[in-house]
Amino acid sequence: MRVIAFDFDGTLSDSEMTVLLAERAGVADEVAAITERAMNDEISYAESLRRRGDLLSGLSDEAVTAAYDDVSLRPGAGSVIDRLRSAGHHVAILTGGFERGVDRALERADTTVDTIVANRLPIRDAQLTGAVEGPLIEGTKDNALEQLAADLDVPMDRTAAVGDGANDLPMLEVAGLSVGYEPKDAVRPVCDATVASMSRLATVFEERRILPSG
């Protein structure tokens, strides 16, 4: 068994949850600019997430639900997840995005993973409070991956990580195999391989004998 850890926004999904939420709150440009700065490692992820959460303050729970309904997996992502799990691997999503959006996308794709580590946007009085909560605000994905591997008694050289942005750098640096999915410039140097489609990702896993050929 191996542990295969995926980022979500920008990797398994081409959606950015905070942007979908921001469109409904009328702050899309502001949120997109903050997201881009964080992905290029210009500001810390924790700072960017708190800034984006604050901009979303007051958005109704109905609008939040509608935004999460628009989150979807990339074409072929569900197949890759299913093949990895069928091969006996433990598949995890480690994301600074939000549990509800991840759950909705997996449900719509009729697939599932073994572990989700994600953040939350608290709701009070049927609207977002502007706060953010969860393990991957100050916590980093390397620690999350290392803890998961330790819990499963899997050595780090039998882990793989797939991500695209600066907040993925910690897990990409510690994983046994690091794959960049259309990675940002700051991420590319640490990647063992880079891909631009889920079919190519499956091929990389086949080449590394993580998945059986075909």
Protein backbone atom coordinates (compact mmCIF):
# COMPACT_ATOMS: atom_id res chain seq x y z
CA MET A 1 0.00 0.00 0.00
CA ARG A 2 1.00 3.58 -0.68
CA VAL A 3 -0.44 6.88 0.50
CA ILE A 4 -1.41 9.14 -2.40
CA ALA A 5 -2.20 12.71 -1.36
CA PHE A 6 -3.95 15.18 -3.63
CA ASP A 7 -4.48 18.88 -3.40
CA PHE A 8 -8.01 19.79 -4.44
CA ASP A 9 -8.51 23.30 -5.86
CA GLY A 10 -6.42 23.60 -9.01
CA THR A 11 -5.46 19.92 -8.94
CA LEU A 12 -8.30 17.41 -8.62
CA SER A 13 -10.67 20.23 -9.51
CA ASP A 14 -10.23 23.18 -11.81
CA SER A 15 -12.63 25.10 -9.57
CA GLU A 16 -11.43 27.52 -6.92
CA MET A 17 -13.97 27.37 -4.13
CA THR A 18 -13.24 30.81 -2.75
CA VAL A 19 -13.67 32.30 -6.23
CA LEU A 20 -17.04 30.57 -6.68
CA LEU A 21 -18.12 31.89 -3.30
CA ALA A 22 -16.72 35.34 -4.07
CA GLU A 23 -18.72 35.57 -7.30
CA ARG A 24 -21.88 35.27 -5.25
CA ALA A 25 -20.61 37.81 -2.73
CA GLY A 26 -19.62 40.34 -5.40
CA VAL A 27 -15.92 40.29 -4.47
CA ALA A 28 -14.55 37.98 -7.17
CA ASP A 29 -11.74 40.25 -8.37
CA GLU A 30 -10.46 40.93 -4.87
CA VAL A 31 -10.50 37.25 -3.91
CA ALA A 32 -8.86 36.13 -7.18
CA ALA A 33 -6.01 38.59 -6.66
CA ILE A 34 -5.38 37.32 -3.13
CA THR A 35 -5.52 33.70 -4.30
CA GLU A 36 -2.99 34.33 -7.06
CA ARG A 37 -0.56 36.02 -4.67
CA ALA A 38 -0.76 33.07 -2.29
CA MET A 39 -0.33 30.47 -5.04
CA ASN A 40 2.82 32.25 -6.19
CA ASP A 41 4.17 32.34 -2.61
CA GLU A 42 3.96 36.14 -2.33
CA ILE A 43 1.92 36.04 0.89
CA SER A 44 1.39 33.21 3.34
CA TYR A 45 -1.49 30.86 2.75
CA ALA A 46 -2.89 31.47 6.23
CA GLU A 47 -2.93 35.22 5.66
CA SER A 48 -4.55 34.83 2.24
CA LEU A 49 -7.23 32.50 3.55
CA ARG A 50 -8.16 34.84 6.39
CA ARG A 51 -8.34 37.79 4.01
CA ARG A 52 -10.58 35.87 1.64
CA GLY A 53 -12.78 34.61 4.45
CA ASP A 54 -13.27 38.14 5.71
CA LEU A 55 -14.35 39.30 2.26
CA LEU A 56 -17.02 36.57 2.22
CA SER A 57 -18.56 37.66 5.52
CA GLY A 58 -22.35 37.84 5.33
CA LEU A 59 -22.82 35.53 2.36
CA SER A 60 -25.99 33.49 2.89
CA ASP A 61 -25.89 29.76 3.49
CA GLU A 62 -28.16 29.34 0.46
CA ALA A 63 -25.58 31.08 -1.74
CA VAL A 64 -22.78 29.04 -0.17
CA THR A 65 -24.61 25.81 -0.99
CA ALA A 66 -25.14 26.95 -4.58
CA ALA A 67 -21.42 27.73 -4.90
CA TYR A 68 -20.43 24.29 -3.63
CA ASP A 69 -22.86 22.74 -6.12
CA ASP A 70 -20.68 24.24 -8.87
CA VAL A 71 -17.52 22.50 -7.64
CA SER A 72 -16.58 19.51 -9.79
CA LEU A 73 -13.69 17.14 -10.36
CA ARG A 74 -11.56 17.42 -13.48
CA PRO A 75 -12.41 14.98 -16.27
CA GLY A 76 -10.82 11.65 -15.43
CA ALA A 77 -10.06 12.50 -11.80
CA GLY A 78 -12.66 10.12 -10.44
CA SER A 79 -11.24 7.31 -12.55
CA VAL A 80 -7.71 7.92 -11.24
CA ILE A 81 -8.98 7.91 -7.65
CA ASP A 82 -10.94 4.71 -8.22
CA ARG A 83 -7.97 2.97 -9.85
CA LEU A 84 -5.66 3.95 -7.01
CA ARG A 85 -8.06 2.65 -4.39
CA SER A 86 -8.69 -0.54 -6.37
CA ALA A 87 -4.92 -1.08 -6.43
CA GLY A 88 -4.96 -1.02 -2.61
CA HIS A 89 -3.63 2.48 -2.02
CA HIS A 90 -4.88 4.96 0.58
CA VAL A 91 -6.07 8.10 -1.22
CA ALA A 92 -6.20 11.38 0.66
CA ILE A 93 -7.25 14.92 -0.16
CA LEU A 94 -5.25 17.54 1.75
CA THR A 95 -6.69 20.93 0.97
CA GLY A 96 -6.91 24.43 2.32
CA GLY A 97 -10.31 24.48 0.61
CA PHE A 98 -13.53 23.54 2.29
CA GLU A 99 -14.99 20.19 3.32
CA ARG A 100 -18.47 20.86 1.96
CA GLY A 101 -17.21 21.63 -1.53
CA VAL A 102 -14.95 18.58 -1.60
CA ASP A 103 -17.73 16.31 -0.39
CA ARG A 104 -20.14 17.68 -2.99
CA ALA A 105 -17.69 17.22 -5.87
CA LEU A 106 -16.89 13.64 -4.88
CA GLU A 107 -20.58 12.85 -4.53
CA ARG A 108 -21.36 14.24 -7.98
CA ALA A 109 -18.50 12.22 -9.49
CA ASP A 110 -19.73 9.06 -7.71
CA THR A 111 -16.34 8.47 -6.14
CA THR A 112 -14.82 8.62 -2.68
CA VAL A 113 -11.46 8.87 -0.95
CA ASP A 114 -10.12 7.43 2.28
CA THR A 115 -9.15 10.65 4.07
CA ILE A 116 -10.10 14.31 3.71
CA VAL A 117 -8.19 16.99 5.60
CA ALA A 118 -9.81 20.35 4.85
CA ASN A 119 -10.93 23.66 6.31
CA ARG A 120 -14.36 25.10 7.08
CA LEU A 121 -16.21 28.40 6.76
CA PRO A 122 -18.34 28.80 9.91
CA ILE A 123 -21.97 29.83 9.52
CA ARG A 124 -24.01 31.69 12.10
CA ASP A 125 -27.54 33.00 11.63
CA ALA A 126 -27.60 31.40 8.14
CA GLN A 127 -24.64 33.38 6.82
CA LEU A 128 -20.85 33.19 6.75
CA THR A 129 -19.21 34.76 9.78
CA GLY A 130 -16.06 35.80 7.87
CA ALA A 131 -13.91 33.44 9.93
CA VAL A 132 -12.10 30.33 8.73
CA GLU A 133 -11.48 27.16 10.74
CA GLY A 134 -9.58 23.94 10.22
CA PRO A 135 -6.27 22.09 10.34
CA LEU A 136 -4.77 23.54 7.16
CA ILE A 137 -4.76 27.22 7.96
CA GLU A 138 -1.63 27.38 10.09
CA GLY A 139 -0.97 23.66 9.75
CA THR A 140 0.98 22.54 6.71
CA LYS A 141 0.44 19.70 4.28
CA ASP A 142 3.81 18.08 4.98
CA ASN A 143 2.78 17.53 8.59
CA ALA A 144 -0.61 16.23 7.50
CA LEU A 145 0.96 13.78 5.05
CA GLU A 146 3.62 12.64 7.51
CA GLN A 147 1.02 12.09 10.25
CA LEU A 148 -1.25 10.14 7.92
CA ALA A 149 1.62 7.97 6.71
CA ALA A 150 2.70 7.31 10.31
CA ASP A 151 -0.85 6.41 11.34
CA LEU A 152 -1.00 3.91 8.48
CA ASP A 153 2.54 2.62 9.06
CA VAL A 154 3.57 3.61 5.53
CA PRO A 155 7.16 4.86 5.04
CA MET A 156 7.48 8.28 3.41
CA ASP A 157 9.26 6.81 0.42
CA ARG A 158 5.98 5.04 -0.36
CA THR A 159 3.97 8.25 -0.46
CA ALA A 160 3.08 10.41 -3.45
CA ALA A 161 1.76 13.97 -3.55
CA VAL A 162 0.04 15.84 -6.37
CA GLY A 163 -0.41 19.59 -6.24
CA ASP A 164 -0.09 22.87 -8.08
CA GLY A 165 0.43 25.83 -5.76
CA ALA A 166 2.79 27.21 -3.14
CA ASN A 167 0.83 25.77 -0.22
CA ASP A 168 1.46 22.33 -1.74
CA LEU A 169 5.23 22.80 -1.61
CA PRO A 170 5.66 21.28 1.89
CA MET A 171 3.98 17.98 0.98
CA LEU A 172 5.64 17.85 -2.44
CA GLU A 173 9.03 18.27 -0.78
CA VAL A 174 8.56 15.38 1.68
CA ALA A 175 6.66 12.89 -0.52
CA GLY A 176 8.42 9.95 -2.09
CA LEU A 177 7.01 11.03 -5.48
CA SER A 178 6.08 14.64 -6.20
CA VAL A 179 3.84 15.44 -9.17
CA GLY A 180 2.94 18.94 -10.23
CA TYR A 181 -0.43 19.40 -11.91
CA GLU A 182 0.11 22.42 -14.17
CA PRO A 183 2.31 23.73 -11.34
CA LYS A 184 2.99 27.37 -10.61
CA ASP A 185 6.55 28.57 -11.26
CA ALA A 186 7.44 28.42 -7.55
CA VAL A 187 6.39 24.76 -7.42
CA ARG A 188 7.87 23.31 -10.60
CA PRO A 189 11.49 22.91 -9.33
CA VAL A 190 10.50 20.44 -6.58
CA CYS A 191 8.42 18.17 -8.83
CA ASP A 192 9.65 14.77 -9.99
CA ALA A 193 7.10 14.98 -12.82
CA THR A 194 4.62 17.49 -14.16
CA VAL A 195 1.32 16.75 -15.88
CA ALA A 196 -1.51 18.68 -17.51
CA SER A 197 -4.24 16.03 -17.57
CA MET A 198 -5.55 13.21 -15.45
CA SER A 199 -4.75 10.71 -18.19
CA ARG A 200 -1.10 11.80 -18.07
CA LEU A 201 -1.15 11.54 -14.27
CA ALA A 202 -2.38 7.96 -14.58
CA THR A 203 0.48 7.26 -16.99
CA VAL A 204 3.01 8.65 -14.51
CA PHE A 205 1.58 6.37 -11.83
CA GLU A 206 1.83 3.44 -14.25
CA GLU A 207 5.44 4.30 -15.08
CA ARG A 208 6.27 4.37 -11.36
CA ARG A 209 4.48 1.03 -10.84
CA ILE A 210 1.92 2.63 -8.57
CA LEU A 211 -0.85 1.60 -10.95
CA PRO A 212 -0.95 -1.45 -13.20
CA SER A 213 -0.64 -0.61 -16.88
CA GLY A 214 -3.82 -0.14 -18.85
